[in-house]
Amino acid sequence: MIVLEKLNKEEIVLNSNHIEIIETIPETKITLTSGRYYLVIQSPDEVVDRIINYNRKVYSNLIKVNEV
């Protein structure tokens, strides 16, 4: 789950596993597999960075659990 900010400054928490496409129109438009979309302030690069960081946290914790 990643935290993003909509154009009206409202924070949303988005399940990154449901993202189908990220576009610049010039805002960043994130379309989900359901067809629903969100316009956010963050750039596409920043959204991708947040997804990568979230996945790192998830998988690093998974590795720690498996090592025990």
PDB file of N, CA and C in Angstrom:
ATOM      1  N   MET A   1       0.850  -1.178   0.000  1.00  0.00           N
ATOM      2  CA  MET A   1       0.000   0.000   0.000  1.00  0.00           C
ATOM      3  C   MET A   1       0.893   1.238   0.000  1.00  0.00           C
ATOM      4  N   ILE A   2       0.566   2.182  -0.817  1.00  0.00           N
ATOM      5  CA  ILE A   2       1.349   3.418  -0.895  1.00  0.00           C
ATOM      6  C   ILE A   2       0.441   4.612  -0.612  1.00  0.00           C
ATOM      7  N   VAL A   3       1.014   5.619   0.011  1.00  0.00           N
ATOM      8  CA  VAL A   3       0.280   6.843   0.329  1.00  0.00           C
ATOM      9  C   VAL A   3       0.563   7.858  -0.773  1.00  0.00           C
ATOM     10  N   LEU A   4      -0.506   8.395  -1.345  1.00  0.00           N
ATOM     11  CA  LEU A   4      -0.403   9.408  -2.393  1.00  0.00           C
ATOM     12  C   LEU A   4      -1.320  10.573  -2.048  1.00  0.00           C
ATOM     13  N   GLU A   5      -1.137  11.676  -2.754  1.00  0.00           N
ATOM     14  CA  GLU A   5      -1.940  12.869  -2.498  1.00  0.00           C
ATOM     15  C   GLU A   5      -2.695  13.258  -3.768  1.00  0.00           C
ATOM     16  N   LYS A   6      -4.022  13.311  -3.653  1.00  0.00           N
ATOM     17  CA  LYS A   6      -4.846  13.723  -4.781  1.00  0.00           C
ATOM     18  C   LYS A   6      -4.657  15.216  -5.038  1.00  0.00           C
ATOM     19  N   LEU A   7      -5.172  15.702  -6.141  1.00  0.00           N
ATOM     20  CA  LEU A   7      -5.009  17.106  -6.514  1.00  0.00           C
ATOM     21  C   LEU A   7      -5.602  18.056  -5.490  1.00  0.00           C
ATOM     22  N   ASN A   8      -6.627  17.617  -4.754  1.00  0.00           N
ATOM     23  CA  ASN A   8      -7.255  18.459  -3.737  1.00  0.00           C
ATOM     24  C   ASN A   8      -6.553  18.340  -2.379  1.00  0.00           C
ATOM     25  N   LYS A   9      -5.357  17.753  -2.382  1.00  0.00           N
ATOM     26  CA  LYS A   9      -4.492  17.580  -1.194  1.00  0.00           C
ATOM     27  C   LYS A   9      -4.958  16.471  -0.254  1.00  0.00           C
ATOM     28  N   GLU A  10      -5.991  15.738  -0.621  1.00  0.00           N
ATOM     29  CA  GLU A  10      -6.471  14.621   0.195  1.00  0.00           C
ATOM     30  C   GLU A  10      -5.541  13.425   0.015  1.00  0.00           C
ATOM     31  N   GLU A  11      -5.132  12.835   1.138  1.00  0.00           N
ATOM     32  CA  GLU A  11      -4.277  11.654   1.075  1.00  0.00           C
ATOM     33  C   GLU A  11      -5.119  10.404   0.833  1.00  0.00           C
ATOM     34  N   ILE A  12      -4.577   9.532   0.001  1.00  0.00           N
ATOM     35  CA  ILE A  12      -5.208   8.239  -0.231  1.00  0.00           C
ATOM     36  C   ILE A  12      -4.149   7.155  -0.051  1.00  0.00           C
ATOM     37  N   VAL A  13      -4.597   5.976   0.314  1.00  0.00           N
ATOM     38  CA  VAL A  13      -3.706   4.816   0.421  1.00  0.00           C
ATOM     39  C   VAL A  13      -4.151   3.850  -0.668  1.00  0.00           C
ATOM     40  N   LEU A  14      -3.234   3.555  -1.564  1.00  0.00           N
ATOM     41  CA  LEU A  14      -3.570   2.789  -2.758  1.00  0.00           C
ATOM     42  C   LEU A  14      -2.860   1.447  -2.759  1.00  0.00           C
ATOM     43  N   ASN A  15      -3.576   0.403  -3.119  1.00  0.00           N
ATOM     44  CA  ASN A  15      -2.979  -0.916  -3.245  1.00  0.00           C
ATOM     45  C   ASN A  15      -2.238  -0.952  -4.583  1.00  0.00           C
ATOM     46  N   SER A  16      -0.926  -0.928  -4.525  1.00  0.00           N
ATOM     47  CA  SER A  16      -0.120  -0.829  -5.743  1.00  0.00           C
ATOM     48  C   SER A  16      -0.222  -2.076  -6.616  1.00  0.00           C
ATOM     49  N   ASN A  17      -0.697  -3.184  -6.067  1.00  0.00           N
ATOM     50  CA  ASN A  17      -0.856  -4.402  -6.867  1.00  0.00           C
ATOM     51  C   ASN A  17      -1.998  -4.279  -7.877  1.00  0.00           C
ATOM     52  N   HIS A  18      -2.836  -3.264  -7.719  1.00  0.00           N
ATOM     53  CA  HIS A  18      -3.979  -3.091  -8.612  1.00  0.00           C
ATOM     54  C   HIS A  18      -3.754  -2.012  -9.666  1.00  0.00           C
ATOM     55  N   ILE A  19      -2.539  -1.470  -9.731  1.00  0.00           N
ATOM     56  CA  ILE A  19      -2.242  -0.441 -10.728  1.00  0.00           C
ATOM     57  C   ILE A  19      -2.011  -1.106 -12.080  1.00  0.00           C
ATOM     58  N   GLU A  20      -2.725  -0.608 -13.079  1.00  0.00           N
ATOM     59  CA  GLU A  20      -2.557  -1.124 -14.438  1.00  0.00           C
ATOM     60  C   GLU A  20      -1.657  -0.210 -15.260  1.00  0.00           C
ATOM     61  N   ILE A  21      -1.863   1.110 -15.122  1.00  0.00           N
ATOM     62  CA  ILE A  21      -1.078   2.050 -15.922  1.00  0.00           C
ATOM     63  C   ILE A  21      -0.927   3.372 -15.177  1.00  0.00           C
ATOM     64  N   ILE A  22       0.211   4.028 -15.392  1.00  0.00           N
ATOM     65  CA  ILE A  22       0.477   5.355 -14.836  1.00  0.00           C
ATOM     66  C   ILE A  22       0.785   6.263 -16.020  1.00  0.00           C
ATOM     67  N   GLU A  23       0.027   7.367 -16.130  1.00  0.00           N
ATOM     68  CA  GLU A  23       0.195   8.295 -17.247  1.00  0.00           C
ATOM     69  C   GLU A  23       0.416   9.715 -16.734  1.00  0.00           C
ATOM     70  N   THR A  24       1.005  10.548 -17.583  1.00  0.00           N
ATOM     71  CA  THR A  24       1.111  11.979 -17.301  1.00  0.00           C
ATOM     72  C   THR A  24       0.221  12.697 -18.308  1.00  0.00           C
ATOM     73  N   ILE A  25      -0.737  13.519 -17.788  1.00  0.00           N
ATOM     74  CA  ILE A  25      -1.720  14.136 -18.706  1.00  0.00           C
ATOM     75  C   ILE A  25      -1.967  15.637 -18.525  1.00  0.00           C
ATOM     76  N   PRO A  26      -1.360  16.547 -17.927  1.00  0.00           N
ATOM     77  CA  PRO A  26      -0.031  16.594 -17.326  1.00  0.00           C
ATOM     78  C   PRO A  26      -0.003  16.140 -15.872  1.00  0.00           C
ATOM     79  N   GLU A  27      -1.157  15.999 -15.211  1.00  0.00           N
ATOM     80  CA  GLU A  27      -1.150  15.418 -13.870  1.00  0.00           C
ATOM     81  C   GLU A  27      -0.796  13.936 -14.009  1.00  0.00           C
ATOM     82  N   THR A  28      -0.534  13.315 -12.893  1.00  0.00           N
ATOM     83  CA  THR A  28      -0.293  11.877 -12.930  1.00  0.00           C
ATOM     84  C   THR A  28      -1.621  11.166 -12.750  1.00  0.00           C
ATOM     85  N   LYS A  29      -1.981  10.359 -13.723  1.00  0.00           N
ATOM     86  CA  LYS A  29      -3.228   9.592 -13.698  1.00  0.00           C
ATOM     87  C   LYS A  29      -2.862   8.129 -13.474  1.00  0.00           C
ATOM     88  N   ILE A  30      -3.410   7.557 -12.399  1.00  0.00           N
ATOM     89  CA  ILE A  30      -3.163   6.159 -12.066  1.00  0.00           C
ATOM     90  C   ILE A  30      -4.463   5.402 -12.312  1.00  0.00           C
ATOM     91  N   THR A  31      -4.432   4.486 -13.264  1.00  0.00           N
ATOM     92  CA  THR A  31      -5.599   3.677 -13.579  1.00  0.00           C
ATOM     93  C   THR A  31      -5.417   2.295 -12.968  1.00  0.00           C
ATOM     94  N   LEU A  32      -6.445   1.843 -12.272  1.00  0.00           N
ATOM     95  CA  LEU A  32      -6.412   0.533 -11.629  1.00  0.00           C
ATOM     96  C   LEU A  32      -6.996  -0.533 -12.566  1.00  0.00           C
ATOM     97  N   THR A  33      -6.796  -1.775 -12.225  1.00  0.00           N
ATOM     98  CA  THR A  33      -7.314  -2.872 -13.029  1.00  0.00           C
ATOM     99  C   THR A  33      -8.838  -2.865 -13.090  1.00  0.00           C
ATOM    100  N   SER A  34      -9.477  -2.220 -12.133  1.00  0.00           N
ATOM    101  CA  SER A  34     -10.942  -2.111 -12.114  1.00  0.00           C
ATOM    102  C   SER A  34     -11.463  -1.058 -13.088  1.00  0.00           C
ATOM    103  N   GLY A  35     -10.560  -0.241 -13.630  1.00  0.00           N
ATOM    104  CA  GLY A  35     -10.953   0.848 -14.509  1.00  0.00           C
ATOM    105  C   GLY A  35     -11.061   2.180 -13.792  1.00  0.00           C
ATOM    106  N   ARG A  36     -11.127   2.153 -12.473  1.00  0.00           N
ATOM    107  CA  ARG A  36     -11.164   3.381 -11.685  1.00  0.00           C
ATOM    108  C   ARG A  36      -9.805   4.063 -11.770  1.00  0.00           C
ATOM    109  N   TYR A  37      -9.807   5.400 -11.731  1.00  0.00           N
ATOM    110  CA  TYR A  37      -8.523   6.105 -11.795  1.00  0.00           C
ATOM    111  C   TYR A  37      -8.465   7.227 -10.772  1.00  0.00           C
ATOM    112  N   TYR A  38      -7.239   7.635 -10.475  1.00  0.00           N
ATOM    113  CA  TYR A  38      -6.981   8.721  -9.530  1.00  0.00           C
ATOM    114  C   TYR A  38      -5.976   9.677 -10.157  1.00  0.00           C
ATOM    115  N   LEU A  39      -6.192  10.971  -9.947  1.00  0.00           N
ATOM    116  CA  LEU A  39      -5.229  11.994 -10.336  1.00  0.00           C
ATOM    117  C   LEU A  39      -4.476  12.388  -9.083  1.00  0.00           C
ATOM    118  N   VAL A  40      -3.148  12.323  -9.132  1.00  0.00           N
ATOM    119  CA  VAL A  40      -2.342  12.602  -7.953  1.00  0.00           C
ATOM    120  C   VAL A  40      -1.274  13.636  -8.259  1.00  0.00           C
ATOM    121  N   ILE A  41      -0.765  14.242  -7.202  1.00  0.00           N
ATOM    122  CA  ILE A  41       0.258  15.279  -7.301  1.00  0.00           C
ATOM    123  C   ILE A  41       1.631  14.684  -7.629  1.00  0.00           C
ATOM    124  N   GLN A  42       1.916  13.511  -7.124  1.00  0.00           N
ATOM    125  CA  GLN A  42       3.227  12.901  -7.300  1.00  0.00           C
ATOM    126  C   GLN A  42       3.493  12.602  -8.783  1.00  0.00           C
ATOM    127  N   SER A  43       4.756  12.684  -9.166  1.00  0.00           N
ATOM    128  CA  SER A  43       5.150  12.352 -10.535  1.00  0.00           C
ATOM    129  C   SER A  43       5.115  10.833 -10.709  1.00  0.00           C
ATOM    130  N   PRO A  44       5.053  10.358 -11.943  1.00  0.00           N
ATOM    131  CA  PRO A  44       5.106   8.905 -12.163  1.00  0.00           C
ATOM    132  C   PRO A  44       6.361   8.271 -11.551  1.00  0.00           C
ATOM    133  N   ASP A  45       7.499   8.953 -11.647  1.00  0.00           N
ATOM    134  CA  ASP A  45       8.736   8.423 -11.048  1.00  0.00           C
ATOM    135  C   ASP A  45       8.610   8.281  -9.540  1.00  0.00           C
ATOM    136  N   GLU A  46       7.980   9.260  -8.903  1.00  0.00           N
ATOM    137  CA  GLU A  46       7.806   9.195  -7.452  1.00  0.00           C
ATOM    138  C   GLU A  46       6.843   8.072  -7.056  1.00  0.00           C
ATOM    139  N   VAL A  47       5.805   7.864  -7.843  1.00  0.00           N
ATOM    140  CA  VAL A  47       4.874   6.767  -7.575  1.00  0.00           C
ATOM    141  C   VAL A  47       5.611   5.433  -7.678  1.00  0.00           C
ATOM    142  N   VAL A  48       6.406   5.269  -8.721  1.00  0.00           N
ATOM    143  CA  VAL A  48       7.169   4.035  -8.900  1.00  0.00           C
ATOM    144  C   VAL A  48       8.148   3.848  -7.747  1.00  0.00           C
ATOM    145  N   ASP A  49       8.819   4.916  -7.328  1.00  0.00           N
ATOM    146  CA  ASP A  49       9.743   4.830  -6.184  1.00  0.00           C
ATOM    147  C   ASP A  49       9.018   4.377  -4.921  1.00  0.00           C
ATOM    148  N   ARG A  50       7.820   4.887  -4.697  1.00  0.00           N
ATOM    149  CA  ARG A  50       7.054   4.484  -3.517  1.00  0.00           C
ATOM    150  C   ARG A  50       6.646   3.016  -3.588  1.00  0.00           C
ATOM    151  N   ILE A  51       6.318   2.557  -4.780  1.00  0.00           N
ATOM    152  CA  ILE A  51       5.975   1.139  -4.958  1.00  0.00           C
ATOM    153  C   ILE A  51       7.201   0.273  -4.671  1.00  0.00           C
ATOM    154  N   ILE A  52       8.345   0.665  -5.194  1.00  0.00           N
ATOM    155  CA  ILE A  52       9.588  -0.091  -4.971  1.00  0.00           C
ATOM    156  C   ILE A  52       9.921  -0.127  -3.487  1.00  0.00           C
ATOM    157  N   ASN A  53       9.840   1.009  -2.818  1.00  0.00           N
ATOM    158  CA  ASN A  53      10.148   1.059  -1.379  1.00  0.00           C
ATOM    159  C   ASN A  53       9.189   0.201  -0.571  1.00  0.00           C
ATOM    160  N   TYR A  54       7.916   0.232  -0.925  1.00  0.00           N
ATOM    161  CA  TYR A  54       6.939  -0.600  -0.225  1.00  0.00           C
ATOM    162  C   TYR A  54       7.264  -2.083  -0.421  1.00  0.00           C
ATOM    163  N   ASN A  55       7.549  -2.472  -1.648  1.00  0.00           N
ATOM    164  CA  ASN A  55       7.861  -3.872  -1.923  1.00  0.00           C
ATOM    165  C   ASN A  55       9.142  -4.311  -1.225  1.00  0.00           C
ATOM    166  N   ARG A  56      10.110  -3.423  -1.135  1.00  0.00           N
ATOM    167  CA  ARG A  56      11.340  -3.746  -0.396  1.00  0.00           C
ATOM    168  C   ARG A  56      11.028  -4.068   1.062  1.00  0.00           C
ATOM    169  N   LYS A  57      10.182  -3.260   1.672  1.00  0.00           N
ATOM    170  CA  LYS A  57       9.801  -3.494   3.071  1.00  0.00           C
ATOM    171  C   LYS A  57       9.107  -4.837   3.225  1.00  0.00           C
ATOM    172  N   VAL A  58       8.165  -5.106   2.339  1.00  0.00           N
ATOM    173  CA  VAL A  58       7.404  -6.353   2.419  1.00  0.00           C
ATOM    174  C   VAL A  58       8.326  -7.549   2.251  1.00  0.00           C
ATOM    175  N   TYR A  59       9.152  -7.537   1.217  1.00  0.00           N
ATOM    176  CA  TYR A  59       9.988  -8.703   0.930  1.00  0.00           C
ATOM    177  C   TYR A  59      11.150  -8.849   1.897  1.00  0.00           C
ATOM    178  N   SER A  60      11.659  -7.746   2.436  1.00  0.00           N
ATOM    179  CA  SER A  60      12.733  -7.872   3.425  1.00  0.00           C
ATOM    180  C   SER A  60      12.191  -8.499   4.709  1.00  0.00           C
ATOM    181  N   ASN A  61      10.968  -8.166   5.079  1.00  0.00           N
ATOM    182  CA  ASN A  61      10.347  -8.794   6.249  1.00  0.00           C
ATOM    183  C   ASN A  61      10.060 -10.263   5.998  1.00  0.00           C
ATOM    184  N   LEU A  62       9.708 -10.596   4.797  1.00  0.00           N
ATOM    185  CA  LEU A  62       9.443 -11.979   4.435  1.00  0.00           C
ATOM    186  C   LEU A  62      10.721 -12.808   4.538  1.00  0.00           C
ATOM    187  N   ILE A  63      11.817 -12.251   4.076  1.00  0.00           N
ATOM    188  CA  ILE A  63      13.117 -12.942   4.148  1.00  0.00           C
ATOM    189  C   ILE A  63      13.515 -13.155   5.606  1.00  0.00           C
ATOM    190  N   LYS A  64      13.302 -12.141   6.464  1.00  0.00           N
ATOM    191  CA  LYS A  64      13.645 -12.263   7.879  1.00  0.00           C
ATOM    192  C   LYS A  64      12.829 -13.368   8.536  1.00  0.00           C
ATOM    193  N   VAL A  65      11.560 -13.469   8.208  1.00  0.00           N
ATOM    194  CA  VAL A  65      10.703 -14.502   8.783  1.00  0.00           C
ATOM    195  C   VAL A  65      11.181 -15.881   8.339  1.00  0.00           C
ATOM    196  N   ASN A  66      11.555 -16.030   7.090  1.00  0.00           N
ATOM    197  CA  ASN A  66      12.008 -17.314   6.578  1.00  0.00           C
ATOM    198  C   ASN A  66      13.359 -17.734   7.156  1.00  0.00           C
ATOM    199  N   GLU A  67      14.176 -16.779   7.594  1.00  0.00           N
ATOM    200  CA  GLU A  67      15.493 -17.092   8.154  1.00  0.00           C
ATOM    201  C   GLU A  67      15.387 -17.611   9.580  1.00  0.00           C
ATOM    202  N   VAL A  68      14.311 -17.299  10.255  1.00  0.00           N
ATOM    203  CA  VAL A  68      14.150 -17.678  11.659  1.00  0.00           C
ATOM    204  C   VAL A  68      13.838 -19.134  11.816  1.00  0.00           C
TER     205      VAL A  68
END
